[in-house]
Amino acid sequence: HHTYSAEPARPALAAAHAAGVPVVMCSSKTRAEMHALARRLALAPAPLIAENGSVVWWPTTWPRDAVEADASPDGDGYISVLGATAADL
């Protein structure tokens, strides 16, 4: 917990990848931080839950029926903001 290293999880992540099981990351980190981490861990493309559950992002490659109806296009995916927006705050 001192380094936040993902190294101890690498075997489990590799097993999930080999089995075709997507890993959906969930964190208090920002969406940008989560995208970068997903790329480093070779987890993309898979949905991300960021900012303590306030933001859910799905890649365009994800089945469309899994994406919330009110999700907005966002780069190479769709985003649903469940919490207050920065503008509202």
PDB file of N, CA and C in Angstrom:
ATOM      1  N   HIS A   1       0.813  -1.195   0.000  1.00  0.00           N
ATOM      2  CA  HIS A   1       0.000   0.000   0.000  1.00  0.00           C
ATOM      3  C   HIS A   1       0.850   1.250   0.000  1.00  0.00           C
ATOM      4  N   HIS A   2       2.151   1.080   0.083  1.00  0.00           N
ATOM      5  CA  HIS A   2       3.041   2.244   0.053  1.00  0.00           C
ATOM      6  C   HIS A   2       3.370   2.693  -1.364  1.00  0.00           C
ATOM      7  N   THR A   3       3.253   1.794  -2.337  1.00  0.00           N
ATOM      8  CA  THR A   3       3.645   2.138  -3.705  1.00  0.00           C
ATOM      9  C   THR A   3       2.470   2.183  -4.673  1.00  0.00           C
ATOM     10  N   TYR A   4       1.360   1.590  -4.325  1.00  0.00           N
ATOM     11  CA  TYR A   4       0.207   1.455  -5.218  1.00  0.00           C
ATOM     12  C   TYR A   4       0.568   0.663  -6.481  1.00  0.00           C
ATOM     13  N   SER A   5       1.600  -0.152  -6.390  1.00  0.00           N
ATOM     14  CA  SER A   5       2.047  -0.948  -7.527  1.00  0.00           C
ATOM     15  C   SER A   5       1.007  -2.001  -7.888  1.00  0.00           C
ATOM     16  N   ALA A   6       0.838  -2.202  -9.173  1.00  0.00           N
ATOM     17  CA  ALA A   6      -0.074  -3.243  -9.661  1.00  0.00           C
ATOM     18  C   ALA A   6       0.639  -4.570  -9.865  1.00  0.00           C
ATOM     19  N   GLU A   7       1.925  -4.618  -9.608  1.00  0.00           N
ATOM     20  CA  GLU A   7       2.698  -5.839  -9.852  1.00  0.00           C
ATOM     21  C   GLU A   7       2.114  -7.085  -9.181  1.00  0.00           C
ATOM     22  N   PRO A   8       1.679  -7.019  -7.911  1.00  0.00           N
ATOM     23  CA  PRO A   8       1.107  -8.229  -7.308  1.00  0.00           C
ATOM     24  C   PRO A   8      -0.151  -8.732  -8.022  1.00  0.00           C
ATOM     25  N   ALA A   9      -0.830  -7.862  -8.731  1.00  0.00           N
ATOM     26  CA  ALA A   9      -2.068  -8.245  -9.432  1.00  0.00           C
ATOM     27  C   ALA A   9      -1.817  -8.730 -10.850  1.00  0.00           C
ATOM     28  N   ARG A  10      -0.610  -8.587 -11.354  1.00  0.00           N
ATOM     29  CA  ARG A  10      -0.336  -8.935 -12.759  1.00  0.00           C
ATOM     30  C   ARG A  10      -0.747 -10.360 -13.121  1.00  0.00           C
ATOM     31  N   PRO A  11      -0.454 -11.393 -12.311  1.00  0.00           N
ATOM     32  CA  PRO A  11      -0.883 -12.750 -12.691  1.00  0.00           C
ATOM     33  C   PRO A  11      -2.410 -12.865 -12.821  1.00  0.00           C
ATOM     34  N   ALA A  12      -3.147 -12.250 -11.933  1.00  0.00           N
ATOM     35  CA  ALA A  12      -4.614 -12.303 -12.006  1.00  0.00           C
ATOM     36  C   ALA A  12      -5.115 -11.537 -13.233  1.00  0.00           C
ATOM     37  N   LEU A  13      -4.503 -10.402 -13.529  1.00  0.00           N
ATOM     38  CA  LEU A  13      -4.889  -9.636 -14.714  1.00  0.00           C
ATOM     39  C   LEU A  13      -4.593 -10.422 -15.988  1.00  0.00           C
ATOM     40  N   ALA A  14      -3.445 -11.098 -16.017  1.00  0.00           N
ATOM     41  CA  ALA A  14      -3.089 -11.914 -17.181  1.00  0.00           C
ATOM     42  C   ALA A  14      -4.066 -13.076 -17.342  1.00  0.00           C
ATOM     43  N   ALA A  15      -4.463 -13.696 -16.240  1.00  0.00           N
ATOM     44  CA  ALA A  15      -5.421 -14.804 -16.301  1.00  0.00           C
ATOM     45  C   ALA A  15      -6.779 -14.324 -16.800  1.00  0.00           C
ATOM     46  N   ALA A  16      -7.212 -13.174 -16.337  1.00  0.00           N
ATOM     47  CA  ALA A  16      -8.484 -12.617 -16.798  1.00  0.00           C
ATOM     48  C   ALA A  16      -8.420 -12.329 -18.295  1.00  0.00           C
ATOM     49  N   HIS A  17      -7.313 -11.747 -18.734  1.00  0.00           N
ATOM     50  CA  HIS A  17      -7.143 -11.444 -20.156  1.00  0.00           C
ATOM     51  C   HIS A  17      -7.160 -12.733 -20.986  1.00  0.00           C
ATOM     52  N   ALA A  18      -6.426 -13.749 -20.529  1.00  0.00           N
ATOM     53  CA  ALA A  18      -6.366 -15.019 -21.260  1.00  0.00           C
ATOM     54  C   ALA A  18      -7.735 -15.676 -21.354  1.00  0.00           C
ATOM     55  N   ALA A  19      -8.556 -15.484 -20.336  1.00  0.00           N
ATOM     56  CA  ALA A  19      -9.897 -16.079 -20.319  1.00  0.00           C
ATOM     57  C   ALA A  19     -10.925 -15.199 -21.034  1.00  0.00           C
ATOM     58  N   GLY A  20     -10.502 -14.029 -21.500  1.00  0.00           N
ATOM     59  CA  GLY A  20     -11.431 -13.130 -22.183  1.00  0.00           C
ATOM     60  C   GLY A  20     -12.368 -12.397 -21.241  1.00  0.00           C
ATOM     61  N   VAL A  21     -11.966 -12.287 -19.986  1.00  0.00           N
ATOM     62  CA  VAL A  21     -12.791 -11.613 -18.981  1.00  0.00           C
ATOM     63  C   VAL A  21     -12.313 -10.165 -18.845  1.00  0.00           C
ATOM     64  N   PRO A  22     -13.158  -9.199 -19.165  1.00  0.00           N
ATOM     65  CA  PRO A  22     -12.729  -7.805 -19.023  1.00  0.00           C
ATOM     66  C   PRO A  22     -12.621  -7.406 -17.550  1.00  0.00           C
ATOM     67  N   VAL A  23     -11.653  -6.574 -17.260  1.00  0.00           N
ATOM     68  CA  VAL A  23     -11.486  -6.040 -15.918  1.00  0.00           C
ATOM     69  C   VAL A  23     -12.021  -4.614 -15.929  1.00  0.00           C
ATOM     70  N   VAL A  24     -13.041  -4.356 -15.141  1.00  0.00           N
ATOM     71  CA  VAL A  24     -13.636  -3.025 -15.044  1.00  0.00           C
ATOM     72  C   VAL A  24     -13.050  -2.359 -13.806  1.00  0.00           C
ATOM     73  N   MET A  25     -12.211  -1.375 -14.043  1.00  0.00           N
ATOM     74  CA  MET A  25     -11.559  -0.688 -12.931  1.00  0.00           C
ATOM     75  C   MET A  25     -12.523   0.288 -12.268  1.00  0.00           C
ATOM     76  N   CYS A  26     -12.407   0.381 -10.955  1.00  0.00           N
ATOM     77  CA  CYS A  26     -13.228   1.307 -10.174  1.00  0.00           C
ATOM     78  C   CYS A  26     -12.319   1.973  -9.152  1.00  0.00           C
ATOM     79  N   SER A  27     -12.323   3.313  -9.126  1.00  0.00           N
ATOM     80  CA  SER A  27     -11.404   4.023  -8.258  1.00  0.00           C
ATOM     81  C   SER A  27     -11.888   5.436  -7.972  1.00  0.00           C
ATOM     82  N   SER A  28     -11.238   6.060  -7.021  1.00  0.00           N
ATOM     83  CA  SER A  28     -11.485   7.472  -6.756  1.00  0.00           C
ATOM     84  C   SER A  28     -10.677   8.349  -7.704  1.00  0.00           C
ATOM     85  N   LYS A  29      -9.786   7.745  -8.489  1.00  0.00           N
ATOM     86  CA  LYS A  29      -8.964   8.510  -9.429  1.00  0.00           C
ATOM     87  C   LYS A  29      -9.853   9.170 -10.486  1.00  0.00           C
ATOM     88  N   THR A  30      -9.300  10.171 -11.160  1.00  0.00           N
ATOM     89  CA  THR A  30     -10.031  10.836 -12.237  1.00  0.00           C
ATOM     90  C   THR A  30     -10.100   9.919 -13.451  1.00  0.00           C
ATOM     91  N   ARG A  31     -10.998  10.248 -14.355  1.00  0.00           N
ATOM     92  CA  ARG A  31     -11.145   9.459 -15.580  1.00  0.00           C
ATOM     93  C   ARG A  31      -9.835   9.461 -16.362  1.00  0.00           C
ATOM     94  N   ALA A  32      -9.174  10.599 -16.456  1.00  0.00           N
ATOM     95  CA  ALA A  32      -7.896  10.686 -17.181  1.00  0.00           C
ATOM     96  C   ALA A  32      -6.854   9.767 -16.552  1.00  0.00           C
ATOM     97  N   GLU A  33      -6.760   9.770 -15.225  1.00  0.00           N
ATOM     98  CA  GLU A  33      -5.814   8.889 -14.541  1.00  0.00           C
ATOM     99  C   GLU A  33      -6.159   7.419 -14.793  1.00  0.00           C
ATOM    100  N   MET A  34      -7.451   7.109 -14.791  1.00  0.00           N
ATOM    101  CA  MET A  34      -7.891   5.736 -14.994  1.00  0.00           C
ATOM    102  C   MET A  34      -7.581   5.265 -16.416  1.00  0.00           C
ATOM    103  N   HIS A  35      -7.797   6.138 -17.424  1.00  0.00           N
ATOM    104  CA  HIS A  35      -7.469   5.775 -18.800  1.00  0.00           C
ATOM    105  C   HIS A  35      -5.982   5.454 -18.919  1.00  0.00           C
ATOM    106  N   ALA A  36      -5.141   6.290 -18.342  1.00  0.00           N
ATOM    107  CA  ALA A  36      -3.693   6.074 -18.411  1.00  0.00           C
ATOM    108  C   ALA A  36      -3.316   4.760 -17.726  1.00  0.00           C
ATOM    109  N   LEU A  37      -3.883   4.497 -16.575  1.00  0.00           N
ATOM    110  CA  LEU A  37      -3.587   3.261 -15.848  1.00  0.00           C
ATOM    111  C   LEU A  37      -4.070   2.043 -16.619  1.00  0.00           C
ATOM    112  N   ALA A  38      -5.253   2.129 -17.204  1.00  0.00           N
ATOM    113  CA  ALA A  38      -5.780   1.010 -17.994  1.00  0.00           C
ATOM    114  C   ALA A  38      -4.856   0.701 -19.168  1.00  0.00           C
ATOM    115  N   ARG A  39      -4.318   1.736 -19.808  1.00  0.00           N
ATOM    116  CA  ARG A  39      -3.379   1.514 -20.916  1.00  0.00           C
ATOM    117  C   ARG A  39      -2.096   0.855 -20.414  1.00  0.00           C
ATOM    118  N   ARG A  40      -1.561   1.348 -19.281  1.00  0.00           N
ATOM    119  CA  ARG A  40      -0.331   0.767 -18.736  1.00  0.00           C
ATOM    120  C   ARG A  40      -0.520  -0.695 -18.357  1.00  0.00           C
ATOM    121  N   LEU A  41      -1.699  -1.047 -17.867  1.00  0.00           N
ATOM    122  CA  LEU A  41      -1.973  -2.419 -17.443  1.00  0.00           C
ATOM    123  C   LEU A  41      -2.543  -3.276 -18.575  1.00  0.00           C
ATOM    124  N   ALA A  42      -2.653  -2.708 -19.763  1.00  0.00           N
ATOM    125  CA  ALA A  42      -3.204  -3.398 -20.939  1.00  0.00           C
ATOM    126  C   ALA A  42      -4.614  -3.904 -20.667  1.00  0.00           C
ATOM    127  N   LEU A  43      -5.430  -3.105 -19.982  1.00  0.00           N
ATOM    128  CA  LEU A  43      -6.810  -3.477 -19.668  1.00  0.00           C
ATOM    129  C   LEU A  43      -7.806  -2.904 -20.661  1.00  0.00           C
ATOM    130  N   ALA A  44      -7.384  -1.931 -21.431  1.00  0.00           N
ATOM    131  CA  ALA A  44      -8.307  -1.301 -22.377  1.00  0.00           C
ATOM    132  C   ALA A  44      -8.573  -2.260 -23.525  1.00  0.00           C
ATOM    133  N   PRO A  45      -9.712  -2.244 -24.153  1.00  0.00           N
ATOM    134  CA  PRO A  45     -10.848  -1.397 -23.828  1.00  0.00           C
ATOM    135  C   PRO A  45     -11.827  -2.105 -22.885  1.00  0.00           C
ATOM    136  N   ALA A  46     -12.129  -1.476 -21.819  1.00  0.00           N
ATOM    137  CA  ALA A  46     -13.134  -1.947 -20.865  1.00  0.00           C
ATOM    138  C   ALA A  46     -13.702  -0.720 -20.169  1.00  0.00           C
ATOM    139  N   PRO A  47     -14.903  -0.828 -19.652  1.00  0.00           N
ATOM    140  CA  PRO A  47     -15.468   0.319 -18.941  1.00  0.00           C
ATOM    141  C   PRO A  47     -14.618   0.719 -17.736  1.00  0.00           C
ATOM    142  N   LEU A  48     -14.770   1.964 -17.340  1.00  0.00           N
ATOM    143  CA  LEU A  48     -14.089   2.504 -16.164  1.00  0.00           C
ATOM    144  C   LEU A  48     -15.122   3.179 -15.270  1.00  0.00           C
ATOM    145  N   ILE A  49     -14.969   2.995 -13.985  1.00  0.00           N
ATOM    146  CA  ILE A  49     -15.783   3.718 -13.003  1.00  0.00           C
ATOM    147  C   ILE A  49     -14.802   4.596 -12.236  1.00  0.00           C
ATOM    148  N   ALA A  50     -14.971   5.900 -12.325  1.00  0.00           N
ATOM    149  CA  ALA A  50     -13.987   6.828 -11.774  1.00  0.00           C
ATOM    150  C   ALA A  50     -14.634   7.820 -10.816  1.00  0.00           C
ATOM    151  N   GLU A  51     -13.759   8.549 -10.147  1.00  0.00           N
ATOM    152  CA  GLU A  51     -14.168   9.652  -9.277  1.00  0.00           C
ATOM    153  C   GLU A  51     -15.216   9.207  -8.249  1.00  0.00           C
ATOM    154  N   ASN A  52     -14.887   8.104  -7.574  1.00  0.00           N
ATOM    155  CA  ASN A  52     -15.753   7.542  -6.527  1.00  0.00           C
ATOM    156  C   ASN A  52     -17.152   7.195  -7.034  1.00  0.00           C
ATOM    157  N   GLY A  53     -17.226   6.718  -8.268  1.00  0.00           N
ATOM    158  CA  GLY A  53     -18.514   6.313  -8.827  1.00  0.00           C
ATOM    159  C   GLY A  53     -19.297   7.435  -9.477  1.00  0.00           C
ATOM    160  N   SER A  54     -18.731   8.619  -9.535  1.00  0.00           N
ATOM    161  CA  SER A  54     -19.446   9.750 -10.137  1.00  0.00           C
ATOM    162  C   SER A  54     -19.447   9.705 -11.659  1.00  0.00           C
ATOM    163  N   VAL A  55     -18.504   8.982 -12.238  1.00  0.00           N
ATOM    164  CA  VAL A  55     -18.355   8.923 -13.686  1.00  0.00           C
ATOM    165  C   VAL A  55     -18.218   7.471 -14.123  1.00  0.00           C
ATOM    166  N   VAL A  56     -18.989   7.095 -15.133  1.00  0.00           N
ATOM    167  CA  VAL A  56     -18.847   5.784 -15.755  1.00  0.00           C
ATOM    168  C   VAL A  56     -18.545   6.021 -17.227  1.00  0.00           C
ATOM    169  N   TRP A  57     -17.503   5.351 -17.731  1.00  0.00           N
ATOM    170  CA  TRP A  57     -17.105   5.491 -19.126  1.00  0.00           C
ATOM    171  C   TRP A  57     -17.077   4.122 -19.775  1.00  0.00           C
ATOM    172  N   TRP A  58     -17.627   4.039 -21.005  1.00  0.00           N
ATOM    173  CA  TRP A  58     -17.627   2.805 -21.781  1.00  0.00           C
ATOM    174  C   TRP A  58     -16.931   3.054 -23.100  1.00  0.00           C
ATOM    175  N   PRO A  59     -16.104   2.111 -23.580  1.00  0.00           N
ATOM    176  CA  PRO A  59     -15.507   2.275 -24.905  1.00  0.00           C
ATOM    177  C   PRO A  59     -16.547   2.032 -26.000  1.00  0.00           C
ATOM    178  N   THR A  60     -16.303   2.587 -27.170  1.00  0.00           N
ATOM    179  CA  THR A  60     -17.237   2.387 -28.277  1.00  0.00           C
ATOM    180  C   THR A  60     -17.322   0.925 -28.687  1.00  0.00           C
ATOM    181  N   THR A  61     -16.314   0.139 -28.341  1.00  0.00           N
ATOM    182  CA  THR A  61     -16.310  -1.286 -28.698  1.00  0.00           C
ATOM    183  C   THR A  61     -17.169  -2.120 -27.761  1.00  0.00           C
ATOM    184  N   TRP A  62     -17.624  -1.536 -26.669  1.00  0.00           N
ATOM    185  CA  TRP A  62     -18.451  -2.257 -25.694  1.00  0.00           C
ATOM    186  C   TRP A  62     -19.867  -2.409 -26.263  1.00  0.00           C
ATOM    187  N   PRO A  63     -20.569  -3.497 -25.932  1.00  0.00           N
ATOM    188  CA  PRO A  63     -21.944  -3.641 -26.456  1.00  0.00           C
ATOM    189  C   PRO A  63     -22.805  -2.426 -26.111  1.00  0.00           C
ATOM    190  N   ARG A  64     -23.445  -1.861 -27.108  1.00  0.00           N
ATOM    191  CA  ARG A  64     -24.204  -0.620 -26.925  1.00  0.00           C
ATOM    192  C   ARG A  64     -25.327  -0.772 -25.906  1.00  0.00           C
ATOM    193  N   ASP A  65     -25.915  -1.960 -25.781  1.00  0.00           N
ATOM    194  CA  ASP A  65     -27.007  -2.124 -24.817  1.00  0.00           C
ATOM    195  C   ASP A  65     -26.515  -2.086 -23.371  1.00  0.00           C
ATOM    196  N   ALA A  66     -25.189  -2.142 -23.166  1.00  0.00           N
ATOM    197  CA  ALA A  66     -24.644  -2.035 -21.820  1.00  0.00           C
ATOM    198  C   ALA A  66     -24.430  -0.582 -21.401  1.00  0.00           C
ATOM    199  N   VAL A  67     -24.486   0.333 -22.368  1.00  0.00           N
ATOM    200  CA  VAL A  67     -24.242   1.746 -22.109  1.00  0.00           C
ATOM    201  C   VAL A  67     -25.549   2.408 -21.690  1.00  0.00           C
ATOM    202  N   GLU A  68     -25.476   3.243 -20.664  1.00  0.00           N
ATOM    203  CA  GLU A  68     -26.677   3.936 -20.206  1.00  0.00           C
ATOM    204  C   GLU A  68     -27.265   4.802 -21.315  1.00  0.00           C
ATOM    205  N   ALA A  69     -28.578   4.875 -21.350  1.00  0.00           N
ATOM    206  CA  ALA A  69     -29.276   5.612 -22.406  1.00  0.00           C
ATOM    207  C   ALA A  69     -28.892   7.083 -22.431  1.00  0.00           C
ATOM    208  N   ASP A  70     -28.591   7.670 -21.270  1.00  0.00           N
ATOM    209  CA  ASP A  70     -28.273   9.105 -21.235  1.00  0.00           C
ATOM    210  C   ASP A  70     -26.776   9.384 -21.365  1.00  0.00           C
ATOM    211  N   ALA A  71     -25.986   8.380 -21.710  1.00  0.00           N
ATOM    212  CA  ALA A  71     -24.549   8.586 -21.856  1.00  0.00           C
ATOM    213  C   ALA A  71     -24.260   9.476 -23.054  1.00  0.00           C
ATOM    214  N   SER A  72     -23.240  10.303 -22.923  1.00  0.00           N
ATOM    215  CA  SER A  72     -22.844  11.227 -23.984  1.00  0.00           C
ATOM    216  C   SER A  72     -21.598  10.704 -24.688  1.00  0.00           C
ATOM    217  N   PRO A  73     -21.471  10.966 -25.992  1.00  0.00           N
ATOM    218  CA  PRO A  73     -20.229  10.598 -26.676  1.00  0.00           C
ATOM    219  C   PRO A  73     -19.047  11.293 -26.010  1.00  0.00           C
ATOM    220  N   ASP A  74     -17.926  10.571 -25.907  1.00  0.00           N
ATOM    221  CA  ASP A  74     -16.745  11.118 -25.249  1.00  0.00           C
ATOM    222  C   ASP A  74     -15.512  10.493 -25.885  1.00  0.00           C
ATOM    223  N   GLY A  75     -14.927  11.165 -26.850  1.00  0.00           N
ATOM    224  CA  GLY A  75     -13.736  10.633 -27.503  1.00  0.00           C
ATOM    225  C   GLY A  75     -14.022   9.289 -28.136  1.00  0.00           C
ATOM    226  N   ASP A  76     -13.344   8.257 -27.658  1.00  0.00           N
ATOM    227  CA  ASP A  76     -13.531   6.914 -28.191  1.00  0.00           C
ATOM    228  C   ASP A  76     -14.464   6.089 -27.316  1.00  0.00           C
ATOM    229  N   GLY A  77     -15.416   6.774 -26.672  1.00  0.00           N
ATOM    230  CA  GLY A  77     -16.357   6.069 -25.816  1.00  0.00           C
ATOM    231  C   GLY A  77     -17.572   6.907 -25.482  1.00  0.00           C
ATOM    232  N   TYR A  78     -18.245   6.484 -24.431  1.00  0.00           N
ATOM    233  CA  TYR A  78     -19.433   7.174 -23.930  1.00  0.00           C
ATOM    234  C   TYR A  78     -19.227   7.425 -22.442  1.00  0.00           C
ATOM    235  N   ILE A  79     -19.746   8.539 -21.947  1.00  0.00           N
ATOM    236  CA  ILE A  79     -19.585   8.879 -20.538  1.00  0.00           C
ATOM    237  C   ILE A  79     -20.938   9.193 -19.926  1.00  0.00           C
ATOM    238  N   SER A  80     -21.109   8.743 -18.712  1.00  0.00           N
ATOM    239  CA  SER A  80     -22.297   9.085 -17.941  1.00  0.00           C
ATOM    240  C   SER A  80     -21.816   9.692 -16.627  1.00  0.00           C
ATOM    241  N   VAL A  81     -22.223  10.922 -16.373  1.00  0.00           N
ATOM    242  CA  VAL A  81     -21.843  11.604 -15.138  1.00  0.00           C
ATOM    243  C   VAL A  81     -22.978  11.418 -14.146  1.00  0.00           C
ATOM    244  N   LEU A  82     -22.707  10.701 -13.081  1.00  0.00           N
ATOM    245  CA  LEU A  82     -23.717  10.400 -12.086  1.00  0.00           C
ATOM    246  C   LEU A  82     -23.711  11.402 -10.938  1.00  0.00           C
ATOM    247  N   GLY A  83     -22.575  12.043 -10.717  1.00  0.00           N
ATOM    248  CA  GLY A  83     -22.462  13.032  -9.648  1.00  0.00           C
ATOM    249  C   GLY A  83     -22.615  14.434 -10.205  1.00  0.00           C
ATOM    250  N   ALA A  84     -22.360  15.408  -9.374  1.00  0.00           N
ATOM    251  CA  ALA A  84     -22.407  16.814  -9.789  1.00  0.00           C
ATOM    252  C   ALA A  84     -21.274  17.100 -10.753  1.00  0.00           C
ATOM    253  N   THR A  85     -21.542  17.900 -11.762  1.00  0.00           N
ATOM    254  CA  THR A  85     -20.483  18.292 -12.694  1.00  0.00           C
ATOM    255  C   THR A  85     -19.636  19.394 -12.059  1.00  0.00           C
ATOM    256  N   ALA A  86     -18.452  19.601 -12.617  1.00  0.00           N
ATOM    257  CA  ALA A  86     -17.578  20.670 -12.128  1.00  0.00           C
ATOM    258  C   ALA A  86     -18.282  22.016 -12.275  1.00  0.00           C
ATOM    259  N   ALA A  87     -19.014  22.193 -13.372  1.00  0.00           N
ATOM    260  CA  ALA A  87     -19.728  23.461 -13.591  1.00  0.00           C
ATOM    261  C   ALA A  87     -20.789  23.676 -12.501  1.00  0.00           C
ATOM    262  N   ASP A  88     -21.491  22.603 -12.137  1.00  0.00           N
ATOM    263  CA  ASP A  88     -22.501  22.730 -11.081  1.00  0.00           C
ATOM    264  C   ASP A  88     -21.891  23.072  -9.737  1.00  0.00           C
ATOM    265  N   LEU A  89     -20.727  22.495  -9.472  1.00  0.00           N
ATOM    266  CA  LEU A  89     -20.069  22.776  -8.197  1.00  0.00           C
ATOM    267  C   LEU A  89     -19.565  24.198  -8.161  1.00  0.00           C
TER     268      LEU A  89
END
